[in-house]
Amino acid sequence: AGCEKETSSYMWIYILLGNMLRGIGETPITPLGISYLDDFAKEENTPVYIASLHTIAMLGPMFGFILGSLCARLYVDIGYVDLESITITPQDSRWVGAWWLGFIIAGAVSLLAAIPFCFLPKSLEKPEGANRDKTSSGLLEEKRDTRKTHTSAKSKPKKWSVMLKGKILANPMYIMLLLGSLLQFNSFVGFLTYKPKYLEQQYGQSASKSNFIIGLISLPPIGLGIFIGGLIMKKYKMGIPGAAKFAFSMSFFAFLLSLLHFFVGCENHVVAGLTVSYD
């Protein structure tokens, strides 16, 4: 009971609100950005552009891990305490790195990167030979024309459940893509979250070196694979069935290779009373 005390810091609230605002700002980039490319790019170039977009998105976590590695080498109270008076090193389990410094650097870079978006035009000229009916903007204009012709007819507002059931939940391809994405992201998030800690515990590495290894070795091959996949789709001009077969075969082969993780590791630590006797 003497060890229990209430926290006196409410800094977690600011971190929660900051991440919430960041998520709101990042949400439009993926769906609207991909739709933007799909509408104003040639059909044969769209896979390469989208692959490039996802490749650059993978470079962000890579630089984030490297930045986290550098910040973890700095003491958490850098600038407020005399570093010469600190007797522990980053290899000590009591060491706490300057985790807050990464938020400041990443936030400043994000603000600078957002400036060019202010100069983008609302619409671009469509390339020659582009099919207007296949673009999302063409579909929106077609919907507007249909609504104008039916302005006299009053229809009752539909419930959300009816709309979802009729348009989204009734699409088997969308449901399968959603389930597959959930499985992939669940495994990927678990990998990024616990792999650095696994390297620390199993191989005796510091937090700084673990983040550096993950950022430099794990993420660049993923970005390179996304870009190569876009080039392959462009070269062979894959349609929806071909792209689905290609994605399934590559994902299945990657799953077989990931099984090799079960054979990599070290022996458990010797703990008296747990793995060995006290004697």
Protein backbone atom coordinates (compact mmCIF):
# COMPACT_ATOMS: atom_id res chain seq x y z
CA ALA A 1 0.00 0.00 0.00
CA GLY A 2 2.90 2.35 0.64
CA CYS A 3 4.05 2.01 -2.98
CA GLU A 4 0.70 3.05 -4.44
CA LYS A 5 0.28 6.69 -5.33
CA GLU A 6 -1.69 8.68 -7.85
CA THR A 7 0.12 10.17 -10.79
CA SER A 8 0.60 13.92 -10.62
CA SER A 9 1.30 14.38 -14.33
CA TYR A 10 -1.40 14.79 -16.93
CA MET A 11 1.03 14.80 -19.84
CA TRP A 12 -0.65 11.69 -21.25
CA ILE A 13 -3.72 13.80 -22.04
CA TYR A 14 -1.66 16.08 -24.29
CA ILE A 15 -0.10 13.08 -26.00
CA LEU A 16 -3.56 11.57 -26.52
CA LEU A 17 -4.94 14.78 -28.02
CA GLY A 18 -1.82 15.23 -30.18
CA ASN A 19 -2.10 11.73 -31.62
CA MET A 20 -5.82 12.25 -32.21
CA LEU A 21 -5.19 15.45 -34.18
CA ARG A 22 -2.38 13.76 -36.08
CA GLY A 23 -4.69 10.89 -37.01
CA ILE A 24 -7.37 13.29 -38.22
CA GLY A 25 -4.81 15.03 -40.43
CA GLU A 26 -3.35 11.81 -41.81
CA THR A 27 -6.65 10.13 -42.62
CA PRO A 28 -7.44 11.92 -45.93
CA ILE A 29 -3.99 11.27 -47.40
CA THR A 30 -4.40 7.58 -48.18
CA PRO A 31 -7.95 7.37 -49.61
CA LEU A 32 -8.03 10.79 -51.24
CA GLY A 33 -4.41 10.66 -52.39
CA ILE A 34 -4.86 7.30 -54.10
CA SER A 35 -8.13 8.47 -55.67
CA TYR A 36 -6.37 11.64 -56.83
CA LEU A 37 -3.69 9.58 -58.57
CA ASP A 38 -6.23 7.17 -60.03
CA ASP A 39 -8.27 9.98 -61.54
CA PHE A 40 -5.49 12.00 -63.17
CA ALA A 41 -2.89 9.41 -64.11
CA LYS A 42 -2.77 7.10 -67.09
CA GLU A 43 -4.15 3.66 -66.39
CA GLU A 44 -0.86 1.87 -67.06
CA ASN A 45 1.06 4.25 -64.76
CA THR A 46 -1.33 4.12 -61.81
CA PRO A 47 0.19 0.96 -60.18
CA VAL A 48 3.68 2.51 -60.22
CA TYR A 49 2.45 5.79 -58.73
CA ILE A 50 0.49 4.06 -55.98
CA ALA A 51 3.43 1.74 -55.28
CA SER A 52 5.72 4.77 -55.02
CA LEU A 53 3.28 6.38 -52.58
CA HIS A 54 3.25 3.30 -50.35
CA THR A 55 7.03 2.92 -50.64
CA ILE A 56 7.57 6.46 -49.38
CA ALA A 57 5.06 5.75 -46.62
CA MET A 58 7.26 2.84 -45.52
CA LEU A 59 10.34 5.05 -45.46
CA GLY A 60 8.67 7.17 -42.77
CA PRO A 61 8.73 4.43 -40.09
CA MET A 62 12.29 3.57 -41.13
CA PHE A 63 13.51 7.11 -40.48
CA GLY A 64 11.33 7.16 -37.36
CA PHE A 65 13.11 4.13 -35.92
CA ILE A 66 16.50 5.62 -36.77
CA LEU A 67 15.48 8.92 -35.17
CA GLY A 68 14.19 7.01 -32.15
CA SER A 69 17.52 5.23 -31.96
CA LEU A 70 19.37 8.55 -31.84
CA CYS A 71 16.97 10.03 -29.28
CA ALA A 72 17.24 6.94 -27.09
CA ARG A 73 20.94 7.60 -26.69
CA LEU A 74 20.19 11.00 -25.15
CA TYR A 75 19.04 11.25 -21.56
CA VAL A 76 15.38 12.06 -21.05
CA ASP A 77 16.09 15.32 -19.16
CA ILE A 78 18.63 16.63 -21.65
CA GLY A 79 18.91 20.40 -21.35
CA TYR A 80 17.61 20.39 -17.78
CA VAL A 81 20.28 18.41 -15.92
CA ASP A 82 24.03 18.21 -16.00
CA LEU A 83 24.82 15.19 -18.15
CA GLU A 84 28.19 14.73 -16.45
CA SER A 85 26.41 14.00 -13.18
CA ILE A 86 24.56 11.00 -14.68
CA THR A 87 26.25 7.77 -13.74
CA ILE A 88 24.17 5.31 -15.81
CA THR A 89 24.56 4.53 -19.52
CA PRO A 90 22.09 3.60 -22.29
CA GLN A 91 22.94 -0.07 -21.63
CA ASP A 92 21.51 0.26 -18.10
CA SER A 93 17.92 -0.91 -17.65
CA ARG A 94 17.16 2.24 -15.67
CA TRP A 95 18.10 4.49 -18.61
CA VAL A 96 15.23 6.53 -20.13
CA GLY A 97 15.93 8.13 -23.49
CA ALA A 98 14.68 11.49 -24.76
CA TRP A 99 11.49 10.05 -26.25
CA TRP A 100 9.83 13.49 -26.42
CA LEU A 101 12.47 14.88 -28.76
CA GLY A 102 11.23 12.75 -31.64
CA PHE A 103 7.76 14.29 -31.44
CA ILE A 104 9.20 17.80 -31.78
CA ILE A 105 11.41 16.90 -34.76
CA ALA A 106 8.70 14.87 -36.54
CA GLY A 107 6.12 17.59 -35.90
CA ALA A 108 8.35 20.29 -37.38
CA VAL A 109 9.07 18.14 -40.46
CA SER A 110 5.34 17.41 -40.88
CA LEU A 111 4.53 21.13 -40.84
CA LEU A 112 7.16 21.81 -43.49
CA ALA A 113 5.94 18.89 -45.62
CA ALA A 114 2.36 20.18 -45.46
CA ILE A 115 3.26 23.53 -47.06
CA PRO A 116 3.41 22.22 -50.69
CA PHE A 117 -0.12 20.82 -50.35
CA CYS A 118 -1.40 24.38 -50.10
CA PHE A 119 -0.20 25.06 -53.66
CA LEU A 120 -1.76 22.00 -55.32
CA PRO A 121 -4.58 22.84 -57.77
CA LYS A 122 -8.10 21.72 -57.04
CA SER A 123 -8.18 19.73 -60.27
CA LEU A 124 -5.67 18.67 -62.90
CA GLU A 125 -6.00 18.22 -66.63
CA LYS A 126 -6.83 14.62 -67.43
CA PRO A 127 -4.33 12.89 -69.74
CA GLU A 128 -5.31 12.12 -73.29
CA GLY A 129 -7.16 8.87 -73.66
CA ALA A 130 -8.34 8.81 -70.04
CA ASN A 131 -11.77 7.29 -69.60
CA ARG A 132 -13.89 9.80 -67.75
CA ASP A 133 -16.50 7.25 -66.76
CA LYS A 134 -13.96 5.16 -64.82
CA THR A 135 -12.73 8.04 -62.66
CA SER A 136 -14.27 8.84 -59.32
CA SER A 137 -14.90 12.43 -60.43
CA GLY A 138 -16.82 11.16 -63.44
CA LEU A 139 -18.92 8.92 -61.22
CA LEU A 140 -19.66 11.84 -58.90
CA GLU A 141 -20.76 14.01 -61.81
CA GLU A 142 -22.95 11.18 -63.09
CA LYS A 143 -24.55 10.92 -59.65
CA ARG A 144 -25.23 14.66 -59.59
CA ASP A 145 -26.93 14.49 -63.00
CA THR A 146 -29.06 11.59 -61.80
CA ARG A 147 -30.09 13.50 -58.68
CA LYS A 148 -31.10 16.55 -60.71
CA THR A 149 -33.45 14.45 -62.84
CA HIS A 150 -35.13 13.04 -59.74
CA THR A 151 -35.49 16.22 -57.69
CA SER A 152 -39.26 16.11 -57.98
CA ALA A 153 -39.49 12.60 -56.54
CA LYS A 154 -39.27 12.66 -52.74
CA SER A 155 -37.70 9.60 -51.15
CA LYS A 156 -37.62 8.65 -47.52
CA PRO A 157 -34.20 8.83 -45.82
CA LYS A 158 -32.56 5.43 -45.60
CA LYS A 159 -31.11 4.08 -42.41
CA TRP A 160 -27.38 3.54 -42.09
CA SER A 161 -27.87 -0.20 -41.68
CA VAL A 162 -29.75 -0.41 -44.98
CA MET A 163 -27.11 1.66 -46.79
CA LEU A 164 -24.24 -0.40 -45.43
CA LYS A 165 -25.95 -3.67 -46.16
CA GLY A 166 -26.82 -2.65 -49.71
CA LYS A 167 -23.49 -1.16 -50.77
CA ILE A 168 -20.61 -2.28 -48.58
CA LEU A 169 -21.44 -5.40 -46.60
CA ALA A 170 -22.97 -7.03 -49.67
CA ASN A 171 -19.70 -6.77 -51.62
CA PRO A 172 -17.76 -10.03 -51.04
CA MET A 173 -14.53 -8.66 -52.54
CA TYR A 174 -14.57 -5.72 -50.13
CA ILE A 175 -15.22 -8.00 -47.15
CA MET A 176 -12.38 -10.36 -48.09
CA LEU A 177 -10.00 -7.42 -48.65
CA LEU A 178 -11.01 -5.99 -45.28
CA LEU A 179 -10.43 -9.28 -43.45
CA GLY A 180 -7.09 -9.81 -45.19
CA SER A 181 -5.95 -6.29 -44.34
CA LEU A 182 -6.94 -6.78 -40.70
CA LEU A 183 -4.86 -9.96 -40.45
CA GLN A 184 -1.86 -8.36 -42.14
CA PHE A 185 -1.90 -5.21 -40.04
CA ASN A 186 -2.40 -7.19 -36.82
CA SER A 187 0.74 -9.18 -37.49
CA PHE A 188 2.68 -6.16 -38.76
CA VAL A 189 1.81 -3.99 -35.76
CA GLY A 190 2.77 -6.78 -33.38
CA PHE A 191 6.06 -7.17 -35.21
CA LEU A 192 6.95 -3.49 -34.97
CA THR A 193 5.80 -3.21 -31.36
CA TYR A 194 7.49 -6.22 -29.78
CA LYS A 195 10.44 -7.02 -32.05
CA PRO A 196 12.68 -4.26 -30.59
CA LYS A 197 11.88 -5.43 -27.06
CA TYR A 198 12.57 -9.01 -28.13
CA LEU A 199 16.00 -7.99 -29.40
CA GLU A 200 16.70 -6.25 -26.09
CA GLN A 201 15.72 -9.23 -23.95
CA GLN A 202 16.99 -12.13 -26.06
CA TYR A 203 20.18 -10.66 -27.46
CA GLY A 204 21.10 -8.15 -24.75
CA GLN A 205 20.92 -5.11 -27.03
CA SER A 206 20.15 -1.56 -25.96
CA ALA A 207 16.90 0.16 -26.94
CA SER A 208 18.83 2.47 -29.24
CA LYS A 209 20.49 -0.35 -31.18
CA SER A 210 17.28 -2.41 -31.35
CA ASN A 211 15.36 0.48 -32.93
CA PHE A 212 18.21 1.08 -35.36
CA ILE A 213 18.25 -2.57 -36.46
CA ILE A 214 14.48 -2.71 -36.97
CA GLY A 215 14.40 0.55 -38.91
CA LEU A 216 17.33 -0.29 -41.17
CA ILE A 217 16.81 -4.01 -41.84
CA SER A 218 13.08 -4.71 -41.61
CA LEU A 219 11.32 -1.76 -43.26
CA PRO A 220 13.40 -0.97 -46.41
CA PRO A 221 12.81 -4.45 -47.93
CA ILE A 222 9.06 -3.93 -47.48
CA GLY A 223 9.16 -0.59 -49.30
CA LEU A 224 11.34 -2.09 -52.04
CA GLY A 225 8.92 -4.99 -52.43
CA ILE A 226 5.96 -2.62 -52.80
CA PHE A 227 7.75 -0.67 -55.52
CA ILE A 228 8.80 -3.84 -57.40
CA GLY A 229 5.22 -5.13 -57.18
CA GLY A 230 3.98 -1.94 -58.84
CA LEU A 231 6.53 -2.33 -61.64
CA ILE A 232 5.49 -5.97 -62.20
CA MET A 233 1.81 -4.99 -62.38
CA LYS A 234 2.61 -2.28 -64.92
CA LYS A 235 4.80 -4.54 -67.06
CA TYR A 236 2.27 -7.39 -67.30
CA LYS A 237 -0.77 -5.06 -67.27
CA MET A 238 -2.58 -7.07 -64.63
CA GLY A 239 -6.30 -6.69 -64.22
CA ILE A 240 -8.25 -7.24 -61.03
CA PRO A 241 -8.20 -11.10 -61.19
CA GLY A 242 -4.50 -11.16 -62.06
CA ALA A 243 -3.65 -8.69 -59.30
CA ALA A 244 -5.65 -10.76 -56.79
CA LYS A 245 -3.81 -13.97 -57.76
CA PHE A 246 -0.47 -12.17 -57.65
CA ALA A 247 -1.19 -10.72 -54.20
CA PHE A 248 -2.37 -14.08 -52.84
CA SER A 249 0.66 -16.00 -54.12
CA MET A 250 3.15 -13.44 -52.76
CA SER A 251 1.38 -13.25 -49.38
CA PHE A 252 1.30 -17.04 -49.08
CA PHE A 253 5.00 -17.31 -49.94
CA ALA A 254 5.80 -14.58 -47.38
CA PHE A 255 3.80 -16.50 -44.77
CA LEU A 256 5.89 -19.62 -45.39
CA LEU A 257 9.10 -17.62 -44.99
CA SER A 258 7.84 -16.02 -41.77
CA LEU A 259 7.62 -19.49 -40.20
CA LEU A 260 11.42 -19.41 -40.00
CA HIS A 261 11.08 -17.01 -37.05
CA PHE A 262 10.17 -19.99 -34.87
CA PHE A 263 13.65 -21.44 -35.34
CA VAL A 264 15.56 -18.23 -34.44
CA GLY A 265 16.30 -17.39 -30.83
CA CYS A 266 18.45 -18.03 -27.79
CA GLU A 267 18.13 -20.27 -24.79
CA ASN A 268 16.04 -18.99 -21.92
CA HIS A 269 17.77 -17.04 -19.17
CA VAL A 270 18.69 -18.99 -16.06
CA VAL A 271 16.37 -17.81 -13.27
CA ALA A 272 16.65 -19.36 -9.84
CA GLY A 273 13.36 -20.88 -8.75
CA LEU A 274 11.89 -20.64 -12.26
CA THR A 275 14.11 -22.43 -14.78
CA VAL A 276 16.61 -23.94 -12.33
CA SER A 277 16.47 -24.90 -8.68
CA TYR A 278 17.83 -22.63 -5.93
CA ASP A 279 20.57 -25.15 -5.29
